[in-house]
Amino acid sequence: MPTLPIYQVDAFTDHLFGGNPAAVCFLDQWPGDRILQNIASENNLSETAFLLRDHDGFELRWFTPTLEVDLCGHATLAAAHVLFNIKNHSGPEIRFKTRSGQLEAIRNGHKIVLDFPADPPRPTAVIPGLFDALGLSEGLMYRGKTDLMVVVEDENTVLTLSPQFPQLRNFGDRGVIVTAPGKNSDFVSRFFAPGSGIDEDPVTGSAHCTMTPYWSERLGKTTLEAIQMSPRGGAVHCELVGDRVKLTGTAVTYLSGNISW
């Protein structure tokens, strides 16, 4: 019976049961997409990362329980964590070939730095019904390549949101970011993606590729500290470098095993 190594990692946290859990699977060859999607659905985590060695790096794909996505931060951090700390990757950096181009993960002590493309958001008109679905009365509306972003006045508004997830499924973007200035950080956020199979994502690295350019311009600084205020919570150190965003975080291994079929 064939087996597939699998790891589960809590990303953007320094302790178990925090941050965002992701599964990491290593492949000898690409199976059909249906197999990849079935594995991700069976894992029932916000993301499963699949890796296949390719010359000097790895091909990397990410699946939610319902679909494949173009970019995922926490599952990339989880994959790099496994490669550096379990697979004993010898170099200081890892190159990933993805649907979003080449990405890099760089070892920095016990932390890992992800080099991702920036996704500056554009102002857009308020979409009818969205504020009602989020439980908001007002906010500033923006759109990135894959996500909507709503900017509100204060951290407490983000913390106390109680969205209507069935209504949010009606909006066609990957997900909705809600963000505000932070009390003990530069900015805070939450991320909702029920249309992508995830009601609330605990810590969304890729969403910080949209938020970092916005908050960098608004606050007049290129290095920012961010907190995602989900029940699990997580911290992301963000740096805007030209048209790239560098996301720094830590991760811990929860389990390792094998998938058999």
C-alpha atoms as a PDB file:
ATOM      1  CA  MET A   1       0.000   0.000   0.000  1.00  0.00           C
ATOM      2  CA  PRO A   2       1.566   3.358  -1.028  1.00  0.00           C
ATOM      3  CA  THR A   3       2.156   5.968   1.665  1.00  0.00           C
ATOM      4  CA  LEU A   4       2.558   9.727   1.593  1.00  0.00           C
ATOM      5  CA  PRO A   5       4.466  11.556   4.357  1.00  0.00           C
ATOM      6  CA  ILE A   6       2.365  14.228   6.032  1.00  0.00           C
ATOM      7  CA  TYR A   7       3.080  16.797   8.722  1.00  0.00           C
ATOM      8  CA  GLN A   8       0.815  19.224  10.528  1.00  0.00           C
ATOM      9  CA  VAL A   9       2.377  22.501  11.611  1.00  0.00           C
ATOM     10  CA  ASP A  10       1.052  25.487  13.549  1.00  0.00           C
ATOM     11  CA  ALA A  11       2.344  28.542  11.657  1.00  0.00           C
ATOM     12  CA  PHE A  12       2.855  32.159  12.729  1.00  0.00           C
ATOM     13  CA  THR A  13       3.075  31.137  16.365  1.00  0.00           C
ATOM     14  CA  ASP A  14       5.711  29.978  18.845  1.00  0.00           C
ATOM     15  CA  HIS A  15       3.453  27.522  20.695  1.00  0.00           C
ATOM     16  CA  LEU A  16       1.191  24.600  19.916  1.00  0.00           C
ATOM     17  CA  PHE A  17      -2.517  25.259  19.376  1.00  0.00           C
ATOM     18  CA  GLY A  18      -1.849  28.840  18.297  1.00  0.00           C
ATOM     19  CA  GLY A  19      -1.442  30.423  14.892  1.00  0.00           C
ATOM     20  CA  ASN A  20      -2.760  28.682  11.800  1.00  0.00           C
ATOM     21  CA  PRO A  21      -2.488  24.898  11.303  1.00  0.00           C
ATOM     22  CA  ALA A  22      -1.443  23.635   7.884  1.00  0.00           C
ATOM     23  CA  ALA A  23      -0.737  20.197   6.487  1.00  0.00           C
ATOM     24  CA  VAL A  24       2.444  19.583   4.484  1.00  0.00           C
ATOM     25  CA  CYS A  25       2.697  16.627   2.087  1.00  0.00           C
ATOM     26  CA  PHE A  26       5.758  15.525   0.099  1.00  0.00           C
ATOM     27  CA  LEU A  27       5.269  13.868  -3.290  1.00  0.00           C
ATOM     28  CA  ASP A  28       7.408  11.778  -5.639  1.00  0.00           C
ATOM     29  CA  GLN A  29       5.236  12.822  -8.573  1.00  0.00           C
ATOM     30  CA  TRP A  30       2.073  14.823  -9.094  1.00  0.00           C
ATOM     31  CA  PRO A  31      -1.092  12.726  -8.820  1.00  0.00           C
ATOM     32  CA  GLY A  32      -4.350  13.948 -10.340  1.00  0.00           C
ATOM     33  CA  ASP A  33      -5.855  17.137  -8.966  1.00  0.00           C
ATOM     34  CA  ARG A  34      -8.801  15.149  -7.639  1.00  0.00           C
ATOM     35  CA  ILE A  35      -6.450  13.207  -5.335  1.00  0.00           C
ATOM     36  CA  LEU A  36      -4.867  16.442  -4.080  1.00  0.00           C
ATOM     37  CA  GLN A  37      -8.275  17.967  -3.423  1.00  0.00           C
ATOM     38  CA  ASN A  38      -9.527  14.833  -1.666  1.00  0.00           C
ATOM     39  CA  ILE A  39      -6.503  14.854   0.638  1.00  0.00           C
ATOM     40  CA  ALA A  40      -7.020  18.530   1.451  1.00  0.00           C
ATOM     41  CA  SER A  41     -10.710  17.914   2.100  1.00  0.00           C
ATOM     42  CA  GLU A  42      -9.896  14.955   4.342  1.00  0.00           C
ATOM     43  CA  ASN A  43      -7.379  17.052   6.281  1.00  0.00           C
ATOM     44  CA  ASN A  44     -10.082  19.727   6.714  1.00  0.00           C
ATOM     45  CA  LEU A  45      -7.525  22.421   7.496  1.00  0.00           C
ATOM     46  CA  SER A  46      -7.579  25.860   5.907  1.00  0.00           C
ATOM     47  CA  GLU A  47      -4.656  24.821   3.690  1.00  0.00           C
ATOM     48  CA  THR A  48      -2.705  21.733   2.669  1.00  0.00           C
ATOM     49  CA  ALA A  49       0.660  22.307   0.966  1.00  0.00           C
ATOM     50  CA  PHE A  50       1.944  19.772  -1.571  1.00  0.00           C
ATOM     51  CA  LEU A  51       5.631  19.760  -2.505  1.00  0.00           C
ATOM     52  CA  LEU A  52       7.588  18.045  -5.261  1.00  0.00           C
ATOM     53  CA  ARG A  53      11.365  18.464  -5.558  1.00  0.00           C
ATOM     54  CA  ASP A  54      12.386  20.277  -8.762  1.00  0.00           C
ATOM     55  CA  HIS A  55      16.105  20.773  -9.491  1.00  0.00           C
ATOM     56  CA  ASP A  56      17.289  23.428  -7.017  1.00  0.00           C
ATOM     57  CA  GLY A  57      13.939  23.908  -5.274  1.00  0.00           C
ATOM     58  CA  PHE A  58      10.391  22.636  -4.971  1.00  0.00           C
ATOM     59  CA  GLU A  59       7.154  22.924  -6.859  1.00  0.00           C
ATOM     60  CA  LEU A  60       4.515  24.018  -4.345  1.00  0.00           C
ATOM     61  CA  ARG A  61       0.727  23.991  -4.540  1.00  0.00           C
ATOM     62  CA  TRP A  62      -1.901  24.852  -1.937  1.00  0.00           C
ATOM     63  CA  PHE A  63      -5.437  23.520  -1.497  1.00  0.00           C
ATOM     64  CA  THR A  64      -8.228  24.536   0.872  1.00  0.00           C
ATOM     65  CA  PRO A  65     -10.868  21.890   1.664  1.00  0.00           C
ATOM     66  CA  THR A  66     -12.743  22.990  -1.474  1.00  0.00           C
ATOM     67  CA  LEU A  67     -10.332  24.511  -4.025  1.00  0.00           C
ATOM     68  CA  GLU A  68      -6.762  25.303  -5.103  1.00  0.00           C
ATOM     69  CA  VAL A  69      -5.473  28.819  -4.353  1.00  0.00           C
ATOM     70  CA  ASP A  70      -2.825  30.986  -6.006  1.00  0.00           C
ATOM     71  CA  LEU A  71      -0.957  32.027  -2.849  1.00  0.00           C
ATOM     72  CA  CYS A  72      -0.819  30.933   0.781  1.00  0.00           C
ATOM     73  CA  GLY A  73       1.514  32.299   3.423  1.00  0.00           C
ATOM     74  CA  HIS A  74       1.028  30.110   6.473  1.00  0.00           C
ATOM     75  CA  ALA A  75       1.237  26.822   4.546  1.00  0.00           C
ATOM     76  CA  THR A  76       4.437  28.059   2.864  1.00  0.00           C
ATOM     77  CA  LEU A  77       5.846  28.895   6.295  1.00  0.00           C
ATOM     78  CA  ALA A  78       4.790  25.424   7.477  1.00  0.00           C
ATOM     79  CA  ALA A  79       6.475  23.779   4.469  1.00  0.00           C
ATOM     80  CA  ALA A  80       9.704  25.719   5.041  1.00  0.00           C
ATOM     81  CA  HIS A  81       9.600  24.826   8.734  1.00  0.00           C
ATOM     82  CA  VAL A  82       9.407  21.112   7.907  1.00  0.00           C
ATOM     83  CA  LEU A  83      12.201  21.377   5.334  1.00  0.00           C
ATOM     84  CA  PHE A  84      14.542  23.282   7.648  1.00  0.00           C
ATOM     85  CA  ASN A  85      13.792  21.482  10.912  1.00  0.00           C
ATOM     86  CA  ILE A  86      12.730  17.931   9.972  1.00  0.00           C
ATOM     87  CA  LYS A  87      14.120  17.324   6.479  1.00  0.00           C
ATOM     88  CA  ASN A  88      17.397  19.086   7.424  1.00  0.00           C
ATOM     89  CA  HIS A  89      17.560  21.329   4.377  1.00  0.00           C
ATOM     90  CA  SER A  90      21.165  22.485   4.422  1.00  0.00           C
ATOM     91  CA  GLY A  91      21.049  25.874   2.718  1.00  0.00           C
ATOM     92  CA  PRO A  92      19.902  29.178   4.205  1.00  0.00           C
ATOM     93  CA  GLU A  93      17.040  29.538   1.718  1.00  0.00           C
ATOM     94  CA  ILE A  94      14.469  27.468  -0.142  1.00  0.00           C
ATOM     95  CA  ARG A  95      13.024  28.323  -3.562  1.00  0.00           C
ATOM     96  CA  PHE A  96       9.427  27.447  -4.384  1.00  0.00           C
ATOM     97  CA  LYS A  97       7.880  27.442  -7.866  1.00  0.00           C
ATOM     98  CA  THR A  98       4.212  28.354  -7.544  1.00  0.00           C
ATOM     99  CA  ARG A  99       1.204  29.783  -9.371  1.00  0.00           C
ATOM    100  CA  SER A 100       2.339  33.175  -7.994  1.00  0.00           C
ATOM    101  CA  GLY A 101       5.850  32.887  -9.407  1.00  0.00           C
ATOM    102  CA  GLN A 102       9.022  32.087  -7.507  1.00  0.00           C
ATOM    103  CA  LEU A 103       8.820  32.464  -3.746  1.00  0.00           C
ATOM    104  CA  GLU A 104      11.623  32.151  -1.235  1.00  0.00           C
ATOM    105  CA  ALA A 105      11.863  31.155   2.410  1.00  0.00           C
ATOM    106  CA  ILE A 106      14.990  32.280   4.257  1.00  0.00           C
ATOM    107  CA  ARG A 107      16.179  30.933   7.604  1.00  0.00           C
ATOM    108  CA  ASN A 108      16.827  33.713  10.144  1.00  0.00           C
ATOM    109  CA  GLY A 109      17.767  32.032  13.428  1.00  0.00           C
ATOM    110  CA  HIS A 110      14.653  30.262  14.712  1.00  0.00           C
ATOM    111  CA  LYS A 111      12.477  32.427  12.464  1.00  0.00           C
ATOM    112  CA  ILE A 112      11.639  32.103   8.771  1.00  0.00           C
ATOM    113  CA  VAL A 113      11.303  34.998   6.322  1.00  0.00           C
ATOM    114  CA  LEU A 114       8.961  34.576   3.354  1.00  0.00           C
ATOM    115  CA  ASP A 115       9.613  36.687   0.238  1.00  0.00           C
ATOM    116  CA  PHE A 116       6.231  37.242  -1.459  1.00  0.00           C
ATOM    117  CA  PRO A 117       4.852  39.591  -4.146  1.00  0.00           C
ATOM    118  CA  ALA A 118       3.141  42.723  -2.828  1.00  0.00           C
ATOM    119  CA  ASP A 119      -0.520  43.186  -3.736  1.00  0.00           C
ATOM    120  CA  PRO A 120      -1.350  46.887  -3.205  1.00  0.00           C
ATOM    121  CA  PRO A 121      -5.115  47.297  -2.800  1.00  0.00           C
ATOM    122  CA  ARG A 122      -7.165  49.709  -4.894  1.00  0.00           C
ATOM    123  CA  PRO A 123     -10.069  51.802  -3.559  1.00  0.00           C
ATOM    124  CA  THR A 124     -13.402  50.502  -4.747  1.00  0.00           C
ATOM    125  CA  ALA A 125     -17.068  51.272  -4.221  1.00  0.00           C
ATOM    126  CA  VAL A 126     -18.869  49.574  -1.355  1.00  0.00           C
ATOM    127  CA  ILE A 127     -20.408  46.318  -2.553  1.00  0.00           C
ATOM    128  CA  PRO A 128     -24.119  46.122  -1.704  1.00  0.00           C
ATOM    129  CA  GLY A 129     -24.807  43.695   1.125  1.00  0.00           C
ATOM    130  CA  LEU A 130     -21.192  43.192   2.187  1.00  0.00           C
ATOM    131  CA  PHE A 131     -21.281  45.413   5.268  1.00  0.00           C
ATOM    132  CA  ASP A 132     -24.502  43.730   6.425  1.00  0.00           C
ATOM    133  CA  ALA A 133     -22.875  40.308   6.008  1.00  0.00           C
ATOM    134  CA  LEU A 134     -19.878  41.453   8.068  1.00  0.00           C
ATOM    135  CA  GLY A 135     -22.012  43.143  10.738  1.00  0.00           C
ATOM    136  CA  LEU A 136     -20.533  46.571   9.957  1.00  0.00           C
ATOM    137  CA  SER A 137     -22.202  49.941   9.496  1.00  0.00           C
ATOM    138  CA  GLU A 138     -19.290  51.640   7.742  1.00  0.00           C
ATOM    139  CA  GLY A 139     -15.713  51.290   6.516  1.00  0.00           C
ATOM    140  CA  LEU A 140     -13.368  52.007   3.631  1.00  0.00           C
ATOM    141  CA  MET A 141     -13.466  49.471   0.811  1.00  0.00           C
ATOM    142  CA  TYR A 142     -10.477  48.228  -1.183  1.00  0.00           C
ATOM    143  CA  ARG A 143      -9.781  45.323  -3.524  1.00  0.00           C
ATOM    144  CA  GLY A 144      -6.598  43.320  -4.080  1.00  0.00           C
ATOM    145  CA  LYS A 145      -6.018  40.671  -6.726  1.00  0.00           C
ATOM    146  CA  THR A 146      -7.909  37.990  -4.824  1.00  0.00           C
ATOM    147  CA  ASP A 147      -9.408  39.567  -1.693  1.00  0.00           C
ATOM    148  CA  LEU A 148     -11.632  42.418  -0.629  1.00  0.00           C
ATOM    149  CA  MET A 149     -10.325  44.599   2.204  1.00  0.00           C
ATOM    150  CA  VAL A 150     -12.394  46.719   4.575  1.00  0.00           C
ATOM    151  CA  VAL A 151     -10.612  49.263   6.767  1.00  0.00           C
ATOM    152  CA  VAL A 152     -12.403  50.217  10.003  1.00  0.00           C
ATOM    153  CA  GLU A 153     -11.567  52.760  12.681  1.00  0.00           C
ATOM    154  CA  ASP A 154     -10.409  50.715  15.646  1.00  0.00           C
ATOM    155  CA  GLU A 155      -9.177  47.360  16.896  1.00  0.00           C
ATOM    156  CA  ASN A 156     -12.287  46.649  18.950  1.00  0.00           C
ATOM    157  CA  THR A 157     -14.469  46.731  15.845  1.00  0.00           C
ATOM    158  CA  VAL A 158     -12.293  44.005  14.304  1.00  0.00           C
ATOM    159  CA  LEU A 159     -12.258  41.951  17.500  1.00  0.00           C
ATOM    160  CA  THR A 160     -16.041  41.963  18.002  1.00  0.00           C
ATOM    161  CA  LEU A 161     -17.094  41.206  14.426  1.00  0.00           C
ATOM    162  CA  SER A 162     -19.676  38.455  14.081  1.00  0.00           C
ATOM    163  CA  PRO A 163     -20.169  37.867  10.346  1.00  0.00           C
ATOM    164  CA  GLN A 164     -23.062  36.058   8.721  1.00  0.00           C
ATOM    165  CA  PHE A 165     -21.087  33.380   6.884  1.00  0.00           C
ATOM    166  CA  PRO A 166     -23.922  32.142   4.630  1.00  0.00           C
ATOM    167  CA  GLN A 167     -24.280  35.710   3.321  1.00  0.00           C
ATOM    168  CA  LEU A 168     -20.524  36.117   2.866  1.00  0.00           C
ATOM    169  CA  ARG A 169     -20.492  33.084   0.567  1.00  0.00           C
ATOM    170  CA  ASN A 170     -22.366  35.194  -1.991  1.00  0.00           C
ATOM    171  CA  PHE A 171     -19.327  37.368  -2.700  1.00  0.00           C
ATOM    172  CA  GLY A 172     -17.037  36.054  -5.411  1.00  0.00           C
ATOM    173  CA  ASP A 173     -13.596  37.053  -4.132  1.00  0.00           C
ATOM    174  CA  ARG A 174     -11.349  34.541  -2.338  1.00  0.00           C
ATOM    175  CA  GLY A 175     -12.016  36.214   0.996  1.00  0.00           C
ATOM    176  CA  VAL A 176     -12.615  39.416   2.940  1.00  0.00           C
ATOM    177  CA  ILE A 177      -9.999  41.145   5.093  1.00  0.00           C
ATOM    178  CA  VAL A 178     -11.149  43.478   7.872  1.00  0.00           C
ATOM    179  CA  THR A 179      -8.330  45.584   9.297  1.00  0.00           C
ATOM    180  CA  ALA A 180      -7.739  48.523  11.648  1.00  0.00           C
ATOM    181  CA  PRO A 181      -4.936  50.306  13.519  1.00  0.00           C
ATOM    182  CA  GLY A 182      -3.682  48.235  16.441  1.00  0.00           C
ATOM    183  CA  LYS A 183      -3.311  49.193  20.086  1.00  0.00           C
ATOM    184  CA  ASN A 184      -0.176  47.087  20.639  1.00  0.00           C
ATOM    185  CA  SER A 185       0.790  46.603  16.998  1.00  0.00           C
ATOM    186  CA  ASP A 186       0.799  48.667  13.825  1.00  0.00           C
ATOM    187  CA  PHE A 187      -2.340  47.001  12.524  1.00  0.00           C
ATOM    188  CA  VAL A 188      -4.725  44.158  13.278  1.00  0.00           C
ATOM    189  CA  SER A 189      -6.988  42.077  11.074  1.00  0.00           C
ATOM    190  CA  ARG A 190      -9.344  39.157  10.637  1.00  0.00           C
ATOM    191  CA  PHE A 191      -9.912  37.163   7.457  1.00  0.00           C
ATOM    192  CA  PHE A 192     -13.122  35.474   6.333  1.00  0.00           C
ATOM    193  CA  ALA A 193     -13.389  33.125   3.335  1.00  0.00           C
ATOM    194  CA  PRO A 194     -16.525  30.953   3.579  1.00  0.00           C
ATOM    195  CA  GLY A 195     -16.747  30.841  -0.237  1.00  0.00           C
ATOM    196  CA  SER A 196     -13.322  29.147  -0.246  1.00  0.00           C
ATOM    197  CA  GLY A 197     -14.285  26.598   2.397  1.00  0.00           C
ATOM    198  CA  ILE A 198     -12.913  28.562   5.394  1.00  0.00           C
ATOM    199  CA  ASP A 199     -15.301  30.586   7.565  1.00  0.00           C
ATOM    200  CA  GLU A 200     -12.464  32.331   9.417  1.00  0.00           C
ATOM    201  CA  ASP A 201      -8.784  31.751   8.722  1.00  0.00           C
ATOM    202  CA  PRO A 202      -6.688  31.980  11.909  1.00  0.00           C
ATOM    203  CA  VAL A 203      -3.608  33.721  10.398  1.00  0.00           C
ATOM    204  CA  THR A 204      -3.480  34.576   6.697  1.00  0.00           C
ATOM    205  CA  GLY A 205       0.026  35.325   5.448  1.00  0.00           C
ATOM    206  CA  SER A 206      -1.038  36.167   1.899  1.00  0.00           C
ATOM    207  CA  ALA A 207      -3.558  38.757   3.141  1.00  0.00           C
ATOM    208  CA  HIS A 208      -0.610  40.656   4.628  1.00  0.00           C
ATOM    209  CA  CYS A 209       0.700  41.115   1.077  1.00  0.00           C
ATOM    210  CA  THR A 210      -2.355  43.346   0.588  1.00  0.00           C
ATOM    211  CA  MET A 211      -2.426  44.987   4.010  1.00  0.00           C
ATOM    212  CA  THR A 212       1.300  45.790   4.228  1.00  0.00           C
ATOM    213  CA  PRO A 213       1.393  48.219   1.259  1.00  0.00           C
ATOM    214  CA  TYR A 214      -1.725  49.968   2.576  1.00  0.00           C
ATOM    215  CA  TRP A 215      -0.523  50.381   6.146  1.00  0.00           C
ATOM    216  CA  SER A 216       3.005  51.214   5.027  1.00  0.00           C
ATOM    217  CA  GLU A 217       1.719  54.179   3.059  1.00  0.00           C
ATOM    218  CA  ARG A 218      -0.771  55.241   5.727  1.00  0.00           C
ATOM    219  CA  LEU A 219       1.675  55.014   8.633  1.00  0.00           C
ATOM    220  CA  GLY A 220       4.744  56.189   6.721  1.00  0.00           C
ATOM    221  CA  LYS A 221       6.916  53.201   7.588  1.00  0.00           C
ATOM    222  CA  THR A 222       8.079  50.088   5.748  1.00  0.00           C
ATOM    223  CA  THR A 223       8.477  47.745   8.721  1.00  0.00           C
ATOM    224  CA  LEU A 224       5.311  46.861  10.595  1.00  0.00           C
ATOM    225  CA  GLU A 225       4.091  44.504  13.303  1.00  0.00           C
ATOM    226  CA  ALA A 226       0.731  42.849  12.681  1.00  0.00           C
ATOM    227  CA  ILE A 227      -1.632  40.738  14.758  1.00  0.00           C
ATOM    228  CA  GLN A 228      -4.445  38.640  13.328  1.00  0.00           C
ATOM    229  CA  MET A 229      -7.181  38.597  15.948  1.00  0.00           C
ATOM    230  CA  SER A 230      -8.755  35.196  15.366  1.00  0.00           C
ATOM    231  CA  PRO A 231      -9.491  33.002  18.404  1.00  0.00           C
ATOM    232  CA  ARG A 232      -6.167  31.194  17.861  1.00  0.00           C
ATOM    233  CA  GLY A 233      -4.326  34.424  17.090  1.00  0.00           C
ATOM    234  CA  GLY A 234      -1.003  34.978  15.394  1.00  0.00           C
ATOM    235  CA  ALA A 235       1.731  37.543  14.826  1.00  0.00           C
ATOM    236  CA  VAL A 236       3.368  38.543  11.539  1.00  0.00           C
ATOM    237  CA  HIS A 237       6.372  40.827  11.117  1.00  0.00           C
ATOM    238  CA  CYS A 238       5.936  42.614   7.781  1.00  0.00           C
ATOM    239  CA  GLU A 239       8.390  44.571   5.646  1.00  0.00           C
ATOM    240  CA  LEU A 240       7.675  46.296   2.342  1.00  0.00           C
ATOM    241  CA  VAL A 241      10.689  46.123  -0.001  1.00  0.00           C
ATOM    242  CA  GLY A 242       9.835  47.597  -3.396  1.00  0.00           C
ATOM    243  CA  ASP A 243       7.214  45.374  -4.979  1.00  0.00           C
ATOM    244  CA  ARG A 244       7.825  42.548  -2.495  1.00  0.00           C
ATOM    245  CA  VAL A 245       6.593  41.882   1.022  1.00  0.00           C
ATOM    246  CA  LYS A 246       8.742  40.000   3.503  1.00  0.00           C
ATOM    247  CA  LEU A 247       6.750  38.143   6.138  1.00  0.00           C
ATOM    248  CA  THR A 248       8.592  36.797   9.179  1.00  0.00           C
ATOM    249  CA  GLY A 249       7.194  34.241  11.584  1.00  0.00           C
ATOM    250  CA  THR A 250       7.810  31.086  13.556  1.00  0.00           C
ATOM    251  CA  ALA A 251       6.168  27.673  13.483  1.00  0.00           C
ATOM    252  CA  VAL A 252       5.932  24.495  15.557  1.00  0.00           C
ATOM    253  CA  THR A 253       5.318  20.891  14.508  1.00  0.00           C
ATOM    254  CA  TYR A 254       2.121  19.306  15.830  1.00  0.00           C
ATOM    255  CA  LEU A 255       2.261  15.829  14.247  1.00  0.00           C
ATOM    256  CA  SER A 256       3.906  13.696  11.603  1.00  0.00           C
ATOM    257  CA  GLY A 257       2.708  10.511   9.942  1.00  0.00           C
ATOM    258  CA  ASN A 258       1.728   8.890   6.672  1.00  0.00           C
ATOM    259  CA  ILE A 259      -1.308   8.854   4.446  1.00  0.00           C
ATOM    260  CA  SER A 260      -2.112   5.354   3.166  1.00  0.00           C
ATOM    261  CA  TRP A 261      -4.351   4.371   0.265  1.00  0.00           C
END
